[in-house]
Amino acid sequence: MGQTVHVLRHGQVHNPENILYGRQPGWRLSELGQEMASTVADWSKQFEVGAVLSSPLQRAQETATPLVRTHQLEIITEPKLIEAANIFEGKKFELGSGVLRHPEMWRYLTRPWQPSWGEPYEEQIERMLASLFSARDAAAGKDAFMVSHQLPIWILRSAVEDRRLMHDPRKRECTLASVTSFHLDNEGAIEGVSYSEPAGHLLPPKKSGKK
């Protein structure tokens, strides 16, 4: 029987001004985000978990904390799980919405297939795959969890499912505290993907322009 590597997006962040926080340090989970993380940890009890890897960013580390407590493990900090680099980091608008109202930013939108505003998709795939196989090995035959961020998770899934990498960000299937599970065969290769929202009942109503 093969393993599964569950890739968890962090929970809701305390972000009242709707900043695109990207790789900036110091962004913590909101109270709701903490509840999301605890809910996923409870949901994870159905699995025998041998390793929990996390992005070094605070919001990911806080999301991983209930998981390691539940399974009596320690967080393995994996820099390759970090958020994708983005030129719009620290601003109050998102790519695909408010950015178009700022002509000085249009020069960063010239190559959406790369994308020109941030870390190339191929680099994201490379580092996320490397992290996935590191998690597989660290779990020593058990399941593993990795805590990362929406865009790298979605790009990894898109690559595995042979989907176009250029996409509408609003159509990503990767909500807060969602789990994208990569199922591995007995040889350790990816043979399928599934998606779950164990904290879906906690998701706030969608609002236009919100991250």
Protein backbone atom coordinates (compact mmCIF):
# COMPACT_ATOMS: atom_id res chain seq x y z
CA MET A 1 0.00 0.00 0.00
CA GLY A 2 1.39 3.41 -0.96
CA GLN A 3 1.65 6.62 1.01
CA THR A 4 -0.21 9.91 0.76
CA VAL A 5 1.30 13.36 1.13
CA HIS A 6 -1.38 15.82 2.22
CA VAL A 7 -0.60 19.42 1.28
CA LEU A 8 -2.40 21.82 3.59
CA ARG A 9 -2.95 25.47 2.85
CA HIS A 10 -2.57 27.64 5.94
CA GLY A 11 -5.62 28.98 7.77
CA GLN A 12 -7.07 32.48 7.68
CA VAL A 13 -4.57 35.26 8.41
CA HIS A 14 -5.23 38.36 10.53
CA ASN A 15 -5.25 40.87 7.66
CA PRO A 16 -7.84 43.60 8.25
CA GLU A 17 -6.43 45.88 5.53
CA ASN A 18 -6.40 43.14 2.88
CA ILE A 19 -2.69 43.36 2.13
CA LEU A 20 -1.14 40.92 -0.35
CA TYR A 21 1.34 39.65 2.24
CA GLY A 22 3.33 37.22 0.09
CA ARG A 23 6.63 36.30 1.71
CA GLN A 24 6.57 39.07 4.29
CA PRO A 25 7.34 37.81 7.82
CA GLY A 26 5.11 38.32 10.82
CA TRP A 27 1.67 37.57 9.41
CA ARG A 28 -0.13 35.47 12.02
CA LEU A 29 -3.33 33.44 11.94
CA SER A 30 -6.55 35.08 13.00
CA GLU A 31 -8.65 33.44 15.72
CA LEU A 32 -10.69 31.83 12.95
CA GLY A 33 -7.48 30.65 11.30
CA GLN A 34 -6.41 29.00 14.53
CA GLU A 35 -9.78 27.25 14.71
CA MET A 36 -9.30 26.08 11.13
CA ALA A 37 -5.88 24.63 11.99
CA SER A 38 -7.29 22.77 14.99
CA THR A 39 -10.16 21.42 12.90
CA VAL A 40 -7.76 20.02 10.29
CA ALA A 41 -5.66 18.46 13.04
CA ASP A 42 -8.73 16.67 14.39
CA TRP A 43 -9.63 15.53 10.87
CA SER A 44 -6.09 14.18 10.40
CA LYS A 45 -6.53 11.63 13.20
CA GLN A 46 -7.85 9.18 10.60
CA PHE A 47 -4.32 8.94 9.16
CA GLU A 48 -1.11 7.48 10.51
CA VAL A 49 1.18 10.47 10.08
CA GLY A 50 4.95 10.16 10.15
CA ALA A 51 6.10 13.68 9.25
CA VAL A 52 4.86 17.28 9.13
CA LEU A 53 6.77 19.74 6.97
CA SER A 54 6.00 23.44 6.89
CA SER A 55 6.85 26.63 5.08
CA PRO A 56 8.98 28.88 7.31
CA LEU A 57 6.37 31.66 7.27
CA GLN A 58 4.55 32.30 10.55
CA ARG A 59 1.05 31.59 9.25
CA ALA A 60 2.14 28.17 7.99
CA GLN A 61 4.04 27.30 11.16
CA GLU A 62 0.99 28.20 13.26
CA THR A 63 -1.20 26.03 11.03
CA ALA A 64 1.21 23.11 11.44
CA THR A 65 1.36 23.36 15.23
CA PRO A 66 -1.92 21.54 16.04
CA LEU A 67 -0.94 18.80 13.58
CA VAL A 68 2.35 18.03 15.29
CA ARG A 69 0.68 18.11 18.70
CA THR A 70 -1.96 15.67 17.52
CA HIS A 71 0.57 13.22 16.09
CA GLN A 72 3.33 13.81 18.65
CA LEU A 73 5.81 14.99 16.05
CA GLU A 74 7.98 18.04 15.49
CA ILE A 75 7.65 20.53 12.66
CA ILE A 76 10.23 20.08 9.93
CA THR A 77 10.74 23.55 8.47
CA GLU A 78 11.16 23.30 4.71
CA PRO A 79 12.14 26.55 2.93
CA LYS A 80 10.99 25.13 -0.42
CA LEU A 81 7.37 25.28 0.78
CA ILE A 82 7.39 29.08 1.02
CA GLU A 83 4.89 31.32 -0.78
CA ALA A 84 5.65 32.28 -4.38
CA ALA A 85 7.59 35.51 -4.84
CA ASN A 86 5.37 38.34 -6.11
CA ILE A 87 6.18 41.90 -7.15
CA PHE A 88 2.83 43.05 -5.71
CA GLU A 89 3.71 41.89 -2.20
CA GLY A 90 2.80 44.43 0.45
CA LYS A 91 0.14 46.16 -1.66
CA LYS A 92 -3.59 46.42 -1.05
CA PHE A 93 -4.74 44.94 -4.34
CA GLU A 94 -4.57 41.52 -5.94
CA LEU A 95 -3.39 40.33 -9.30
CA GLY A 96 -6.43 39.81 -11.50
CA SER A 97 -8.53 42.49 -9.81
CA GLY A 98 -7.34 45.82 -8.42
CA VAL A 99 -3.95 45.73 -10.12
CA LEU A 100 -5.46 46.73 -13.46
CA ARG A 101 -6.39 50.08 -11.98
CA HIS A 102 -2.69 50.91 -11.49
CA PRO A 103 -1.02 51.66 -14.87
CA GLU A 104 2.45 51.76 -13.30
CA MET A 105 2.07 48.04 -12.63
CA TRP A 106 1.03 47.01 -16.13
CA ARG A 107 4.63 46.33 -17.18
CA TYR A 108 4.64 43.35 -14.82
CA LEU A 109 1.70 41.74 -16.62
CA THR A 110 3.34 41.19 -20.00
CA ARG A 111 3.99 37.44 -19.69
CA PRO A 112 1.19 35.79 -17.69
CA TRP A 113 2.35 32.31 -18.72
CA GLN A 114 5.65 32.75 -16.84
CA PRO A 115 4.37 34.73 -14.82
CA SER A 116 6.18 38.04 -15.29
CA TRP A 117 5.06 39.42 -11.90
CA GLY A 118 6.73 36.77 -9.79
CA GLU A 119 8.40 33.40 -9.40
CA PRO A 120 8.23 31.30 -12.58
CA TYR A 121 5.73 28.44 -12.42
CA GLU A 122 8.39 25.90 -13.35
CA GLU A 123 10.48 26.89 -10.34
CA GLN A 124 7.47 26.48 -8.08
CA ILE A 125 6.82 23.01 -9.47
CA GLU A 126 10.43 21.98 -9.00
CA ARG A 127 10.66 23.02 -5.37
CA MET A 128 7.21 21.72 -4.43
CA LEU A 129 7.92 18.33 -5.97
CA ALA A 130 11.23 18.18 -4.13
CA SER A 131 9.41 18.96 -0.88
CA LEU A 132 6.76 16.32 -1.57
CA PHE A 133 9.34 13.60 -2.07
CA SER A 134 11.25 14.79 1.01
CA ALA A 135 8.03 14.48 3.00
CA ARG A 136 7.44 11.01 1.58
CA ASP A 137 10.89 9.89 2.70
CA ALA A 138 10.68 11.58 6.12
CA ALA A 139 7.39 9.83 6.88
CA ALA A 140 9.04 6.41 6.47
CA GLY A 141 6.06 4.59 5.02
CA LYS A 142 3.37 6.61 6.82
CA ASP A 143 1.39 9.55 5.48
CA ALA A 144 2.89 13.05 5.60
CA PHE A 145 1.55 16.57 5.81
CA MET A 146 3.07 19.67 4.22
CA VAL A 147 1.82 23.17 5.07
CA SER A 148 2.24 25.65 2.25
CA HIS A 149 0.44 28.43 0.36
CA GLN A 150 -2.29 28.64 -2.24
CA LEU A 151 -0.38 29.39 -5.43
CA PRO A 152 2.44 26.82 -5.04
CA ILE A 153 -0.10 24.17 -4.05
CA TRP A 154 -2.32 24.91 -7.03
CA ILE A 155 0.58 24.99 -9.48
CA LEU A 156 1.87 21.65 -8.18
CA ARG A 157 -1.57 20.10 -8.58
CA SER A 158 -1.97 21.63 -12.04
CA ALA A 159 1.36 20.17 -13.14
CA VAL A 160 0.57 16.71 -11.79
CA GLU A 161 -2.87 16.74 -13.44
CA ASP A 162 -1.41 18.09 -16.70
CA ARG A 163 -3.44 21.30 -16.51
CA ARG A 164 -2.49 24.68 -18.01
CA LEU A 165 -0.35 26.64 -15.58
CA MET A 166 -1.69 30.03 -16.69
CA HIS A 167 -5.05 30.44 -14.97
CA ASP A 168 -7.61 32.73 -13.36
CA PRO A 169 -6.65 33.01 -9.63
CA ARG A 170 -10.33 33.20 -8.71
CA LYS A 171 -10.85 29.65 -10.00
CA ARG A 172 -8.22 27.87 -7.91
CA GLU A 173 -9.64 24.96 -5.93
CA CYS A 174 -7.54 25.62 -2.83
CA THR A 175 -9.47 27.36 -0.07
CA LEU A 176 -8.10 28.31 3.33
CA ALA A 177 -7.11 25.23 5.36
CA SER A 178 -7.94 22.94 2.44
CA VAL A 179 -6.03 19.71 1.84
CA THR A 180 -4.74 18.63 -1.57
CA SER A 181 -3.65 15.00 -1.20
CA PHE A 182 -1.10 13.40 -3.51
CA HIS A 183 -1.42 9.62 -3.51
CA LEU A 184 1.73 7.63 -4.16
CA ASP A 185 2.06 4.09 -5.46
CA ASN A 186 4.23 1.39 -3.94
CA GLU A 187 7.21 2.74 -5.84
CA GLY A 188 6.73 6.21 -4.36
CA ALA A 189 5.49 7.87 -7.57
CA ILE A 190 2.40 10.08 -7.71
CA GLU A 191 -0.60 8.15 -9.02
CA GLY A 192 -3.50 10.45 -8.16
CA VAL A 193 -4.75 13.60 -6.44
CA SER A 194 -7.76 14.28 -4.23
CA TYR A 195 -9.05 17.41 -2.54
CA SER A 196 -10.74 17.98 0.83
CA GLU A 197 -12.04 20.92 2.84
CA PRO A 198 -12.13 19.67 6.45
CA ALA A 199 -12.57 23.25 7.69
CA GLY A 200 -14.94 24.25 4.90
CA HIS A 201 -17.76 25.01 7.33
CA LEU A 202 -15.56 27.71 8.88
CA LEU A 203 -14.85 29.60 5.66
CA PRO A 204 -16.03 33.22 5.78
CA PRO A 205 -18.40 34.44 3.06
CA LYS A 206 -16.57 35.44 -0.11
CA LYS A 207 -16.17 39.16 -0.69
CA SER A 208 -15.03 40.85 -3.86
CA GLY A 209 -11.32 41.73 -3.73
CA LYS A 210 -10.55 39.64 -0.67
CA LYS A 211 -7.54 37.33 -0.53
